[in-house]
Amino acid sequence: MMKLLLAAVSVALCACATVNQPQIGTPGYLKVLKAKKVDPVTYARIATGRVLGYGDIRNLAAKGIPGKMIVPYLKATRTPYDYSAKEINGLVAAGGEDVLVNYLGKAAGIYMQDEGDV
């Protein structure tokens, strides 16, 4: 009787362990990008953690993606984004928010600083 009870408890525990596995879904920021119909190439770059080009960033701004969503991604790439005043103005014209424009205005200097003139 004890062996039968032990077997039943073992089966129940195993069933619980396999049924409650967490589901990995699409991150929320990718859902936002898809809903805003961001260019598929830009979407793919972000989904795979790639560096964005000027066209990608302009596309995000034009699609109404908030600067507070774009800037953390750009920071995470640790890339010296270096755009001309004309390009920065183009981002403003596309709808780029202040937080994005301000970040890109100083981003070149953040990651291009010499460390001990090496």
C-alpha atoms as a PDB file:
ATOM      1  CA  MET A   1       0.000   0.000   0.000  1.00  0.00           C
ATOM      2  CA  MET A   2       2.837   2.387   0.907  1.00  0.00           C
ATOM      3  CA  LYS A   3       4.603   1.689  -2.420  1.00  0.00           C
ATOM      4  CA  LEU A   4       1.394   2.448  -4.309  1.00  0.00           C
ATOM      5  CA  LEU A   5       0.959   5.743  -2.439  1.00  0.00           C
ATOM      6  CA  LEU A   6       4.600   6.687  -3.036  1.00  0.00           C
ATOM      7  CA  ALA A   7       4.248   5.904  -6.744  1.00  0.00           C
ATOM      8  CA  ALA A   8       1.088   8.029  -6.992  1.00  0.00           C
ATOM      9  CA  VAL A   9       2.761  10.989  -5.260  1.00  0.00           C
ATOM     10  CA  SER A  10       5.809  10.683  -7.542  1.00  0.00           C
ATOM     11  CA  VAL A  11       3.635  10.723 -10.662  1.00  0.00           C
ATOM     12  CA  ALA A  12       1.704  13.748  -9.364  1.00  0.00           C
ATOM     13  CA  LEU A  13       4.880  15.692  -8.613  1.00  0.00           C
ATOM     14  CA  CYS A  14       6.357  14.897 -12.009  1.00  0.00           C
ATOM     15  CA  ALA A  15       3.162  16.019 -13.718  1.00  0.00           C
ATOM     16  CA  CYS A  16       3.233  19.335 -11.843  1.00  0.00           C
ATOM     17  CA  ALA A  17       6.838  19.939 -12.772  1.00  0.00           C
ATOM     18  CA  THR A  18       6.219  19.492 -16.489  1.00  0.00           C
ATOM     19  CA  VAL A  19       2.891  21.332 -16.756  1.00  0.00           C
ATOM     20  CA  ASN A  20       3.952  24.615 -15.167  1.00  0.00           C
ATOM     21  CA  GLN A  21       6.899  25.490 -17.378  1.00  0.00           C
ATOM     22  CA  PRO A  22       7.204  29.228 -18.045  1.00  0.00           C
ATOM     23  CA  GLN A  23       6.301  30.376 -21.517  1.00  0.00           C
ATOM     24  CA  ILE A  24       8.802  32.623 -23.246  1.00  0.00           C
ATOM     25  CA  GLY A  25       7.037  35.200 -25.347  1.00  0.00           C
ATOM     26  CA  THR A  26       7.877  38.251 -27.379  1.00  0.00           C
ATOM     27  CA  PRO A  27       9.255  41.081 -25.224  1.00  0.00           C
ATOM     28  CA  GLY A  28       6.872  44.005 -24.759  1.00  0.00           C
ATOM     29  CA  TYR A  29       9.035  46.490 -26.655  1.00  0.00           C
ATOM     30  CA  LEU A  30       8.991  44.257 -29.747  1.00  0.00           C
ATOM     31  CA  LYS A  31       5.199  44.102 -29.546  1.00  0.00           C
ATOM     32  CA  VAL A  32       5.117  47.913 -29.517  1.00  0.00           C
ATOM     33  CA  LEU A  33       7.396  48.082 -32.567  1.00  0.00           C
ATOM     34  CA  LYS A  34       5.260  45.579 -34.447  1.00  0.00           C
ATOM     35  CA  ALA A  35       2.051  47.431 -33.534  1.00  0.00           C
ATOM     36  CA  LYS A  36       3.572  50.717 -34.780  1.00  0.00           C
ATOM     37  CA  LYS A  37       4.539  48.965 -38.044  1.00  0.00           C
ATOM     38  CA  VAL A  38       8.240  49.768 -37.760  1.00  0.00           C
ATOM     39  CA  ASP A  39      10.257  48.899 -40.858  1.00  0.00           C
ATOM     40  CA  PRO A  40      10.919  45.115 -40.867  1.00  0.00           C
ATOM     41  CA  VAL A  41      14.689  45.612 -41.264  1.00  0.00           C
ATOM     42  CA  THR A  42      14.804  47.943 -38.251  1.00  0.00           C
ATOM     43  CA  TYR A  43      12.623  45.523 -36.293  1.00  0.00           C
ATOM     44  CA  ALA A  44      14.961  42.636 -37.124  1.00  0.00           C
ATOM     45  CA  ARG A  45      18.016  44.642 -36.053  1.00  0.00           C
ATOM     46  CA  ILE A  46      16.448  45.430 -32.697  1.00  0.00           C
ATOM     47  CA  ALA A  47      15.171  41.880 -32.198  1.00  0.00           C
ATOM     48  CA  THR A  48      18.723  40.577 -32.677  1.00  0.00           C
ATOM     49  CA  GLY A  49      20.467  43.317 -30.665  1.00  0.00           C
ATOM     50  CA  ARG A  50      22.232  44.950 -33.617  1.00  0.00           C
ATOM     51  CA  VAL A  51      23.521  48.515 -33.965  1.00  0.00           C
ATOM     52  CA  LEU A  52      21.044  50.899 -35.598  1.00  0.00           C
ATOM     53  CA  GLY A  53      21.868  53.228 -38.452  1.00  0.00           C
ATOM     54  CA  TYR A  54      20.574  56.744 -38.957  1.00  0.00           C
ATOM     55  CA  GLY A  55      17.720  55.487 -41.161  1.00  0.00           C
ATOM     56  CA  ASP A  56      16.629  53.047 -38.471  1.00  0.00           C
ATOM     57  CA  ILE A  57      16.570  55.732 -35.792  1.00  0.00           C
ATOM     58  CA  ARG A  58      14.747  58.164 -38.080  1.00  0.00           C
ATOM     59  CA  ASN A  59      12.196  55.448 -38.876  1.00  0.00           C
ATOM     60  CA  LEU A  60      11.590  54.835 -35.170  1.00  0.00           C
ATOM     61  CA  ALA A  61      11.074  58.557 -34.567  1.00  0.00           C
ATOM     62  CA  ALA A  62       8.743  58.852 -37.557  1.00  0.00           C
ATOM     63  CA  LYS A  63       6.659  55.916 -36.304  1.00  0.00           C
ATOM     64  CA  GLY A  64       6.176  57.666 -32.962  1.00  0.00           C
ATOM     65  CA  ILE A  65       8.411  55.427 -30.863  1.00  0.00           C
ATOM     66  CA  PRO A  66       9.174  57.464 -27.731  1.00  0.00           C
ATOM     67  CA  GLY A  67      12.717  58.656 -27.165  1.00  0.00           C
ATOM     68  CA  LYS A  68      12.609  57.074 -23.701  1.00  0.00           C
ATOM     69  CA  MET A  69      12.314  53.699 -25.480  1.00  0.00           C
ATOM     70  CA  ILE A  70      14.945  54.384 -28.137  1.00  0.00           C
ATOM     71  CA  VAL A  71      17.720  55.891 -26.002  1.00  0.00           C
ATOM     72  CA  PRO A  72      18.180  52.912 -23.633  1.00  0.00           C
ATOM     73  CA  TYR A  73      18.559  50.632 -26.659  1.00  0.00           C
ATOM     74  CA  LEU A  74      21.126  52.954 -28.229  1.00  0.00           C
ATOM     75  CA  LYS A  75      23.031  53.123 -24.941  1.00  0.00           C
ATOM     76  CA  ALA A  76      23.033  49.331 -24.704  1.00  0.00           C
ATOM     77  CA  THR A  77      24.781  49.057 -28.079  1.00  0.00           C
ATOM     78  CA  ARG A  78      27.693  51.153 -26.697  1.00  0.00           C
ATOM     79  CA  THR A  79      28.129  52.683 -30.145  1.00  0.00           C
ATOM     80  CA  PRO A  80      29.428  56.210 -30.841  1.00  0.00           C
ATOM     81  CA  TYR A  81      26.477  57.581 -32.803  1.00  0.00           C
ATOM     82  CA  ASP A  82      27.915  60.629 -34.551  1.00  0.00           C
ATOM     83  CA  TYR A  83      25.421  62.607 -36.614  1.00  0.00           C
ATOM     84  CA  SER A  84      25.707  65.993 -38.270  1.00  0.00           C
ATOM     85  CA  ALA A  85      23.515  68.934 -37.314  1.00  0.00           C
ATOM     86  CA  LYS A  86      21.557  68.345 -40.536  1.00  0.00           C
ATOM     87  CA  GLU A  87      20.888  64.714 -39.558  1.00  0.00           C
ATOM     88  CA  ILE A  88      19.876  65.706 -36.021  1.00  0.00           C
ATOM     89  CA  ASN A  89      17.484  68.277 -37.516  1.00  0.00           C
ATOM     90  CA  GLY A  90      16.119  65.503 -39.735  1.00  0.00           C
ATOM     91  CA  LEU A  91      15.334  63.474 -36.630  1.00  0.00           C
ATOM     92  CA  VAL A  92      13.534  66.466 -35.128  1.00  0.00           C
ATOM     93  CA  ALA A  93      11.552  66.889 -38.346  1.00  0.00           C
ATOM     94  CA  ALA A  94      10.643  63.184 -38.234  1.00  0.00           C
ATOM     95  CA  GLY A  95       9.238  63.610 -34.727  1.00  0.00           C
ATOM     96  CA  GLY A  96      12.275  62.724 -32.616  1.00  0.00           C
ATOM     97  CA  GLU A  97      11.735  63.742 -29.009  1.00  0.00           C
ATOM     98  CA  ASP A  98      14.120  65.909 -26.991  1.00  0.00           C
ATOM     99  CA  VAL A  99      15.512  62.974 -25.015  1.00  0.00           C
ATOM    100  CA  LEU A 100      16.579  61.263 -28.265  1.00  0.00           C
ATOM    101  CA  VAL A 101      17.941  64.410 -29.882  1.00  0.00           C
ATOM    102  CA  ASN A 102      19.870  65.399 -26.762  1.00  0.00           C
ATOM    103  CA  TYR A 103      21.373  61.926 -26.404  1.00  0.00           C
ATOM    104  CA  LEU A 104      22.468  61.749 -30.032  1.00  0.00           C
ATOM    105  CA  GLY A 105      23.874  65.251 -29.827  1.00  0.00           C
ATOM    106  CA  LYS A 106      26.383  64.081 -27.236  1.00  0.00           C
ATOM    107  CA  ALA A 107      26.631  60.326 -27.956  1.00  0.00           C
ATOM    108  CA  ALA A 108      29.700  60.574 -30.171  1.00  0.00           C
ATOM    109  CA  GLY A 109      31.824  61.843 -27.322  1.00  0.00           C
ATOM    110  CA  ILE A 110      30.627  59.279 -24.812  1.00  0.00           C
ATOM    111  CA  TYR A 111      32.215  56.211 -26.406  1.00  0.00           C
ATOM    112  CA  MET A 112      35.012  57.828 -28.401  1.00  0.00           C
ATOM    113  CA  GLN A 113      36.995  59.202 -25.468  1.00  0.00           C
ATOM    114  CA  ASP A 114      40.612  58.104 -25.384  1.00  0.00           C
ATOM    115  CA  GLU A 115      41.586  56.106 -22.366  1.00  0.00           C
ATOM    116  CA  GLY A 116      45.073  57.328 -21.516  1.00  0.00           C
ATOM    117  CA  ASP A 117      45.890  58.138 -25.184  1.00  0.00           C
ATOM    118  CA  VAL A 118      46.208  54.450 -25.992  1.00  0.00           C
END
